C-alpha atoms as a PDB file:
ATOM      1  CA  MET A   1     114.666  70.609  84.035  1.00  0.00           C
ATOM      2  CA  LYS A   2     114.372  70.068  80.254  1.00  0.00           C
ATOM      3  CA  ILE A   3     112.007  67.256  79.161  1.00  0.00           C
ATOM      4  CA  ILE A   4     110.950  65.392  76.049  1.00  0.00           C
ATOM      5  CA  LEU A   5     107.275  64.519  76.021  1.00  0.00           C
ATOM      6  CA  THR A   6     105.439  62.260  73.610  1.00  0.00           C
ATOM      7  CA  GLY A   7     101.662  61.697  73.259  1.00  0.00           C
ATOM      8  CA  ALA A   8     100.717  65.365  73.709  1.00  0.00           C
ATOM      9  CA  THR A   9      97.832  64.875  71.220  1.00  0.00           C
ATOM     10  CA  GLY A  10      96.322  62.195  73.447  1.00  0.00           C
ATOM     11  CA  MET A  11      94.345  62.710  76.691  1.00  0.00           C
ATOM     12  CA  ALA A  12      97.033  61.511  79.208  1.00  0.00           C
ATOM     13  CA  GLY A  13      99.830  63.192  77.323  1.00  0.00           C
ATOM     14  CA  GLN A  14      98.003  66.537  76.991  1.00  0.00           C
ATOM     15  CA  GLY A  15      97.090  66.492  80.621  1.00  0.00           C
ATOM     16  CA  VAL A  16     100.723  65.839  81.652  1.00  0.00           C
ATOM     17  CA  LEU A  17     101.877  68.596  79.218  1.00  0.00           C
ATOM     18  CA  LEU A  18      99.494  71.151  80.672  1.00  0.00           C
ATOM     19  CA  GLU A  19     100.873  70.326  84.183  1.00  0.00           C
ATOM     20  CA  CYS A  20     104.410  70.646  82.978  1.00  0.00           C
ATOM     21  CA  LEU A  21     103.727  74.054  81.354  1.00  0.00           C
ATOM     22  CA  GLN A  22     102.581  75.545  84.568  1.00  0.00           C
ATOM     23  CA  ASN A  23     105.278  73.916  86.824  1.00  0.00           C
ATOM     24  CA  ASN A  24     108.286  76.091  87.620  1.00  0.00           C
ATOM     25  CA  ALA A  25     110.548  73.048  87.885  1.00  0.00           C
ATOM     26  CA  VAL A  26     110.240  72.459  84.087  1.00  0.00           C
ATOM     27  CA  THR A  27     112.064  75.055  81.974  1.00  0.00           C
ATOM     28  CA  GLU A  28     111.760  73.447  78.497  1.00  0.00           C
ATOM     29  CA  ILE A  29     109.528  70.913  76.862  1.00  0.00           C
ATOM     30  CA  LEU A  30     110.184  69.303  73.535  1.00  0.00           C
ATOM     31  CA  MET A  31     107.036  67.740  72.205  1.00  0.00           C
ATOM     32  CA  VAL A  32     107.784  64.836  69.866  1.00  0.00           C
ATOM     33  CA  ASN A  33     104.571  64.402  67.834  1.00  0.00           C
ATOM     34  CA  ARG A  34     103.501  62.486  64.769  1.00  0.00           C
ATOM     35  CA  LYS A  35     101.284  65.344  63.816  1.00  0.00           C
ATOM     36  CA  HIS A  36     101.274  69.091  64.729  1.00  0.00           C
ATOM     37  CA  LEU A  37      99.672  70.297  67.963  1.00  0.00           C
ATOM     38  CA  ASP A  38      98.436  73.927  67.846  1.00  0.00           C
ATOM     39  CA  ILE A  39      99.585  75.164  71.103  1.00  0.00           C
ATOM     40  CA  VAL A  40     101.990  77.999  71.904  1.00  0.00           C
ATOM     41  CA  ASN A  41     104.079  78.595  75.042  1.00  0.00           C
ATOM     42  CA  PRO A  42     107.582  80.048  75.668  1.00  0.00           C
ATOM     43  CA  LYS A  43     108.678  76.779  77.226  1.00  0.00           C
ATOM     44  CA  LEU A  44     107.407  74.709  74.307  1.00  0.00           C
ATOM     45  CA  LYS A  45     109.169  73.248  71.207  1.00  0.00           C
ATOM     46  CA  GLU A  46     107.838  70.725  68.742  1.00  0.00           C
ATOM     47  CA  LEU A  47     109.606  68.068  66.721  1.00  0.00           C
ATOM     48  CA  LEU A  48     107.515  66.204  64.105  1.00  0.00           C
ATOM     49  CA  VAL A  49     108.484  62.490  63.768  1.00  0.00           C
ATOM     50  CA  PRO A  50     105.939  60.547  61.567  1.00  0.00           C
ATOM     51  CA  ASP A  51     107.416  57.151  62.481  1.00  0.00           C
ATOM     52  CA  PHE A  52     108.793  56.651  65.972  1.00  0.00           C
ATOM     53  CA  LEU A  53     110.733  53.507  64.708  1.00  0.00           C
ATOM     54  CA  LYS A  54     112.895  56.009  62.797  1.00  0.00           C
ATOM     55  CA  ILE A  55     113.499  58.246  65.750  1.00  0.00           C
ATOM     56  CA  GLU A  56     117.250  57.674  65.494  1.00  0.00           C
ATOM     57  CA  ALA A  57     117.343  59.998  62.482  1.00  0.00           C
ATOM     58  CA  PHE A  58     116.445  62.871  64.794  1.00  0.00           C
ATOM     59  CA  SER A  59     119.116  62.210  67.350  1.00  0.00           C
ATOM     60  CA  ASP A  60     120.736  65.634  67.178  1.00  0.00           C
ATOM     61  CA  SER A  61     117.467  67.275  68.226  1.00  0.00           C
ATOM     62  CA  LEU A  62     117.115  65.002  71.273  1.00  0.00           C
ATOM     63  CA  LYS A  63     120.406  65.898  72.980  1.00  0.00           C
ATOM     64  CA  GLY A  64     120.765  67.683  76.296  1.00  0.00           C
ATOM     65  CA  TYR A  65     117.456  66.665  78.005  1.00  0.00           C
ATOM     66  CA  ASP A  66     117.079  65.577  81.574  1.00  0.00           C
ATOM     67  CA  ALA A  67     113.976  63.433  81.210  1.00  0.00           C
ATOM     68  CA  CYS A  68     111.513  61.841  78.833  1.00  0.00           C
ATOM     69  CA  PHE A  69     107.810  61.527  79.694  1.00  0.00           C
ATOM     70  CA  PHE A  70     106.639  58.908  77.271  1.00  0.00           C
ATOM     71  CA  CYS A  71     102.860  59.312  77.166  1.00  0.00           C
ATOM     72  CA  ALA A  72     102.169  57.985  73.706  1.00  0.00           C
ATOM     73  CA  GLY A  73      99.887  54.988  73.630  1.00  0.00           C
ATOM     74  CA  ILE A  74      96.875  53.386  71.938  1.00  0.00           C
ATOM     75  CA  SER A  75      93.946  51.247  72.885  1.00  0.00           C
ATOM     76  CA  SER A  76      94.196  47.519  72.044  1.00  0.00           C
ATOM     77  CA  VAL A  77      90.547  47.397  70.889  1.00  0.00           C
ATOM     78  CA  GLY A  78      90.237  45.913  67.431  1.00  0.00           C
ATOM     79  CA  MET A  79      93.966  45.120  67.168  1.00  0.00           C
ATOM     80  CA  ASN A  80      95.723  41.786  67.063  1.00  0.00           C
ATOM     81  CA  GLU A  81      98.809  41.094  69.113  1.00  0.00           C
ATOM     82  CA  GLU A  82     101.304  41.728  66.302  1.00  0.00           C
ATOM     83  CA  GLN A  83      99.842  45.141  65.500  1.00  0.00           C
ATOM     84  CA  TYR A  84      99.578  46.123  69.203  1.00  0.00           C
ATOM     85  CA  THR A  85     103.111  44.960  69.944  1.00  0.00           C
ATOM     86  CA  LYS A  86     104.560  46.978  67.056  1.00  0.00           C
ATOM     87  CA  ILE A  87     102.932  50.142  68.268  1.00  0.00           C
ATOM     88  CA  THR A  88     103.252  49.623  72.040  1.00  0.00           C
ATOM     89  CA  TYR A  89     106.469  47.632  72.478  1.00  0.00           C
ATOM     90  CA  ASP A  90     108.572  48.154  69.328  1.00  0.00           C
ATOM     91  CA  THR A  91     108.161  51.973  69.032  1.00  0.00           C
ATOM     92  CA  THR A  92     108.566  52.604  72.778  1.00  0.00           C
ATOM     93  CA  MET A  93     111.777  50.492  72.968  1.00  0.00           C
ATOM     94  CA  GLN A  94     113.273  52.055  69.795  1.00  0.00           C
ATOM     95  CA  PHE A  95     112.565  55.544  71.278  1.00  0.00           C
ATOM     96  CA  ALA A  96     114.032  54.610  74.666  1.00  0.00           C
ATOM     97  CA  LYS A  97     117.077  52.943  73.242  1.00  0.00           C
ATOM     98  CA  THR A  98     117.784  55.954  71.028  1.00  0.00           C
ATOM     99  CA  LEU A  99     117.553  58.206  74.023  1.00  0.00           C
ATOM    100  CA  VAL A 100     119.603  56.291  76.425  1.00  0.00           C
ATOM    101  CA  ALA A 101     122.463  56.284  73.860  1.00  0.00           C
ATOM    102  CA  ILE A 102     122.279  60.035  73.633  1.00  0.00           C
ATOM    103  CA  ASN A 103     121.436  61.000  77.226  1.00  0.00           C
ATOM    104  CA  PRO A 104     122.334  58.242  79.640  1.00  0.00           C
ATOM    105  CA  ALA A 105     121.863  60.535  82.540  1.00  0.00           C
ATOM    106  CA  MET A 106     118.199  60.895  81.695  1.00  0.00           C
ATOM    107  CA  VAL A 107     115.114  59.719  83.606  1.00  0.00           C
ATOM    108  CA  PHE A 108     112.644  57.868  81.410  1.00  0.00           C
ATOM    109  CA  ASN A 109     109.055  57.839  82.645  1.00  0.00           C
ATOM    110  CA  TYR A 110     106.580  55.574  80.789  1.00  0.00           C
ATOM    111  CA  ILE A 111     102.790  55.662  81.102  1.00  0.00           C
ATOM    112  CA  THR A 112     101.534  52.124  81.092  1.00  0.00           C
ATOM    113  CA  GLY A 113      98.284  51.000  82.654  1.00  0.00           C
ATOM    114  CA  ALA A 114      96.609  49.509  85.712  1.00  0.00           C
ATOM    115  CA  GLN A 115      96.537  45.701  85.685  1.00  0.00           C
ATOM    116  CA  THR A 116      99.602  45.469  83.473  1.00  0.00           C
ATOM    117  CA  ASP A 117     101.116  42.010  83.941  1.00  0.00           C
ATOM    118  CA  SER A 118     104.745  41.887  84.906  1.00  0.00           C
ATOM    119  CA  THR A 119     104.923  38.136  84.460  1.00  0.00           C
ATOM    120  CA  GLU A 120     104.086  38.529  80.713  1.00  0.00           C
ATOM    121  CA  LYS A 121     101.796  35.472  81.052  1.00  0.00           C
ATOM    122  CA  SER A 122      98.339  37.097  81.292  1.00  0.00           C
ATOM    123  CA  LYS A 123      95.485  35.830  79.101  1.00  0.00           C
ATOM    124  CA  THR A 124      94.869  39.586  78.398  1.00  0.00           C
ATOM    125  CA  MET A 125      96.984  40.491  75.388  1.00  0.00           C
ATOM    126  CA  TRP A 126      97.520  44.133  76.166  1.00  0.00           C
ATOM    127  CA  ALA A 127      98.641  43.339  79.765  1.00  0.00           C
ATOM    128  CA  ARG A 128     101.284  40.938  78.468  1.00  0.00           C
ATOM    129  CA  VAL A 129     102.576  43.409  75.944  1.00  0.00           C
ATOM    130  CA  LYS A 130     102.739  46.306  78.428  1.00  0.00           C
ATOM    131  CA  GLY A 131     104.340  44.007  80.961  1.00  0.00           C
ATOM    132  CA  LYS A 132     107.066  43.137  78.574  1.00  0.00           C
ATOM    133  CA  THR A 133     107.511  46.788  77.632  1.00  0.00           C
ATOM    134  CA  GLU A 134     107.970  47.747  81.353  1.00  0.00           C
ATOM    135  CA  ASN A 135     110.287  44.831  82.003  1.00  0.00           C
ATOM    136  CA  ASP A 136     112.633  45.701  79.075  1.00  0.00           C
ATOM    137  CA  LEU A 137     112.571  49.431  79.853  1.00  0.00           C
ATOM    138  CA  MET A 138     113.805  48.725  83.345  1.00  0.00           C
ATOM    139  CA  LYS A 139     116.866  46.859  81.805  1.00  0.00           C
ATOM    140  CA  LEU A 140     118.092  50.020  79.986  1.00  0.00           C
ATOM    141  CA  PRO A 141     120.905  51.992  81.660  1.00  0.00           C
ATOM    142  CA  PHE A 142     119.006  55.258  82.260  1.00  0.00           C
ATOM    143  CA  LYS A 143     119.806  57.288  85.401  1.00  0.00           C
ATOM    144  CA  GLY A 144     116.307  56.419  86.368  1.00  0.00           C
ATOM    145  CA  GLN A 145     113.284  54.604  84.783  1.00  0.00           C
ATOM    146  CA  TYR A 146     109.796  54.551  86.218  1.00  0.00           C
ATOM    147  CA  ASN A 147     106.583  52.963  84.926  1.00  0.00           C
ATOM    148  CA  PHE A 148     103.342  54.717  85.872  1.00  0.00           C
ATOM    149  CA  ARG A 149     100.117  52.615  86.107  1.00  0.00           C
ATOM    150  CA  PRO A 150      97.227  55.119  86.358  1.00  0.00           C
ATOM    151  CA  GLY A 151      93.605  53.847  86.489  1.00  0.00           C
ATOM    152  CA  GLY A 152      90.764  56.215  85.655  1.00  0.00           C
ATOM    153  CA  MET A 153      92.153  59.675  84.869  1.00  0.00           C
ATOM    154  CA  GLU A 154      90.486  63.006  85.410  1.00  0.00           C
ATOM    155  CA  PRO A 155      91.311  65.693  82.762  1.00  0.00           C
ATOM    156  CA  VAL A 156      93.083  68.906  83.886  1.00  0.00           C
ATOM    157  CA  LYS A 157      91.444  72.331  83.666  1.00  0.00           C
ATOM    158  CA  GLY A 158      91.442  73.642  80.089  1.00  0.00           C
ATOM    159  CA  GLN A 159      91.941  70.183  78.471  1.00  0.00           C
ATOM    160  CA  LYS A 160      90.065  69.928  75.192  1.00  0.00           C
ATOM    161  CA  ASN A 161      90.609  66.379  73.902  1.00  0.00           C
ATOM    162  CA  ALA A 162      88.946  64.328  76.772  1.00  0.00           C
ATOM    163  CA  LYS A 163      85.998  62.330  75.415  1.00  0.00           C
ATOM    164  CA  MET A 164      82.815  63.250  77.230  1.00  0.00           C
ATOM    165  CA  LEU A 165      81.715  59.657  77.604  1.00  0.00           C
ATOM    166  CA  TYR A 166      85.062  58.820  79.372  1.00  0.00           C
ATOM    167  CA  VAL A 167      84.730  61.906  81.663  1.00  0.00           C
ATOM    168  CA  VAL A 168      81.288  60.814  82.666  1.00  0.00           C
ATOM    169  CA  LEU A 169      82.452  57.283  83.362  1.00  0.00           C
ATOM    170  CA  VAL A 170      85.280  58.399  85.493  1.00  0.00           C
ATOM    171  CA  SER A 171      83.039  60.764  87.380  1.00  0.00           C
ATOM    172  CA  ILE A 172      80.753  57.760  88.259  1.00  0.00           C
ATOM    173  CA  ILE A 173      83.662  55.564  89.290  1.00  0.00           C
ATOM    174  CA  LYS A 174      84.930  58.374  91.512  1.00  0.00           C
ATOM    175  CA  VAL A 175      81.749  58.397  93.508  1.00  0.00           C
ATOM    176  CA  PHE A 176      82.033  54.737  94.441  1.00  0.00           C
ATOM    177  CA  SER A 177      85.786  54.167  94.352  1.00  0.00           C
ATOM    178  CA  ARG A 178      87.797  57.347  94.570  1.00  0.00           C
ATOM    179  CA  LYS A 179      91.072  55.424  95.295  1.00  0.00           C
ATOM    180  CA  ASN A 180      90.942  54.101  91.676  1.00  0.00           C
ATOM    181  CA  ILE A 181      90.843  57.600  90.121  1.00  0.00           C
ATOM    182  CA  ILE A 182      93.806  59.998  89.664  1.00  0.00           C
ATOM    183  CA  THR A 183      93.859  63.529  88.200  1.00  0.00           C
ATOM    184  CA  LEU A 184      96.188  64.257  85.325  1.00  0.00           C
ATOM    185  CA  ASN A 185      97.589  67.042  87.441  1.00  0.00           C
ATOM    186  CA  GLU A 186      98.611  64.417  90.030  1.00  0.00           C
ATOM    187  CA  LEU A 187     100.122  62.195  87.255  1.00  0.00           C
ATOM    188  CA  GLY A 188     102.172  65.061  85.801  1.00  0.00           C
ATOM    189  CA  GLN A 189     103.327  66.191  89.173  1.00  0.00           C
ATOM    190  CA  ALA A 190     104.390  62.655  90.071  1.00  0.00           C
ATOM    191  CA  MET A 191     106.360  62.319  86.932  1.00  0.00           C
ATOM    192  CA  ILE A 192     108.143  65.606  87.601  1.00  0.00           C
ATOM    193  CA  ASN A 193     108.927  64.519  91.138  1.00  0.00           C
ATOM    194  CA  ALA A 194     110.250  61.138  89.930  1.00  0.00           C
ATOM    195  CA  VAL A 195     112.928  63.194  88.134  1.00  0.00           C
ATOM    196  CA  LEU A 196     113.583  65.552  91.023  1.00  0.00           C
ATOM    197  CA  HIS A 197     113.452  63.112  93.899  1.00  0.00           C
ATOM    198  CA  GLY A 198     113.275  59.577  92.502  1.00  0.00           C
ATOM    199  CA  TYR A 199     111.058  56.818  94.066  1.00  0.00           C
ATOM    200  CA  VAL A 200     111.538  53.609  95.947  1.00  0.00           C
ATOM    201  CA  LYS A 201     109.753  51.592  93.234  1.00  0.00           C
ATOM    202  CA  GLN A 202     110.140  51.525  89.505  1.00  0.00           C
ATOM    203  CA  VAL A 203     106.524  50.380  88.963  1.00  0.00           C
ATOM    204  CA  LEU A 204     104.100  52.811  90.367  1.00  0.00           C
ATOM    205  CA  GLU A 205     100.506  51.903  90.974  1.00  0.00           C
ATOM    206  CA  ILE A 206      97.759  54.476  91.641  1.00  0.00           C
ATOM    207  CA  SER A 207      98.559  54.739  95.393  1.00  0.00           C
ATOM    208  CA  ASP A 208     102.262  55.291  94.588  1.00  0.00           C
ATOM    209  CA  ILE A 209     101.499  57.998  92.007  1.00  0.00           C
ATOM    210  CA  LYS A 210      99.372  59.790  94.575  1.00  0.00           C
ATOM    211  CA  ILE A 211     102.206  59.629  97.168  1.00  0.00           C
ATOM    212  CA  LEU A 212     104.845  60.840  94.743  1.00  0.00           C
ATOM    213  CA  ALA A 213     102.568  63.712  93.472  1.00  0.00           C
ATOM    214  CA  LYS A 214     102.600  65.036  97.054  1.00  0.00           C
ATOM    215  CA  GLU A 215     106.387  65.365  97.334  1.00  0.00           C
ATOM    216  CA  GLN A 216     107.607  68.946  97.671  1.00  0.00           C
ATOM    217  CA  VAL A 217     108.713  70.282  94.447  1.00  0.00           C
ATOM    218  CA  ASP A 218     112.070  72.110  94.263  1.00  0.00           C
ATOM    219  CA  GLU A 219     111.296  75.010  92.003  1.00  0.00           C
ATOM    220  CA  GLU A 220     114.909  75.459  90.950  1.00  0.00           C
ATOM    221  CA  SER A 221     115.725  73.787  87.640  1.00  0.00           C
ATOM    222  CA  ILE A 222     118.154  70.891  87.648  1.00  0.00           C
END
């Protein structure tokens, strides 16, 4: 399969990228980054797009892909709702709408977050915004659209951009509540399997991600 991946410069995106690079089911990866990522692999291409709200200008480079793994995201700390909505909702929807017009047979996988609020009524700002993003993505006419809600995430081997404080915190949580922790290998494998096999739910909690990650992978490209 040929995939488009965003967020490769972030922790979750880089972890998913490293899993995709070593997975035989993935034959080509187009990283869409705002800034250059210094990584070389025969499967890998890079497209620099400084402003995802203007992604439509790059449509010709986005044709012919089977899936998008949208891993780009930002913390809501220190942001008001207008700022966070522009980055989290507006850019994601613009990206997705551009892709569905070009590749309607694509599967669009979105990394959201545990405790995202599907009712869009939560008192927690980021949970409302991510809930609206999930809801509106599910309305788009992709072949498949899945929203992944990981909790604590363990970095993959060789990952360089995981913050030490976060890694230590996840390690502590893992001791007391392993079910709330997922490895980025599992997340990447689950996203691949969503394209290959689909899943019964469009919103995947940690338990669903773990189940989907265990699906047998067809190593022949689609």
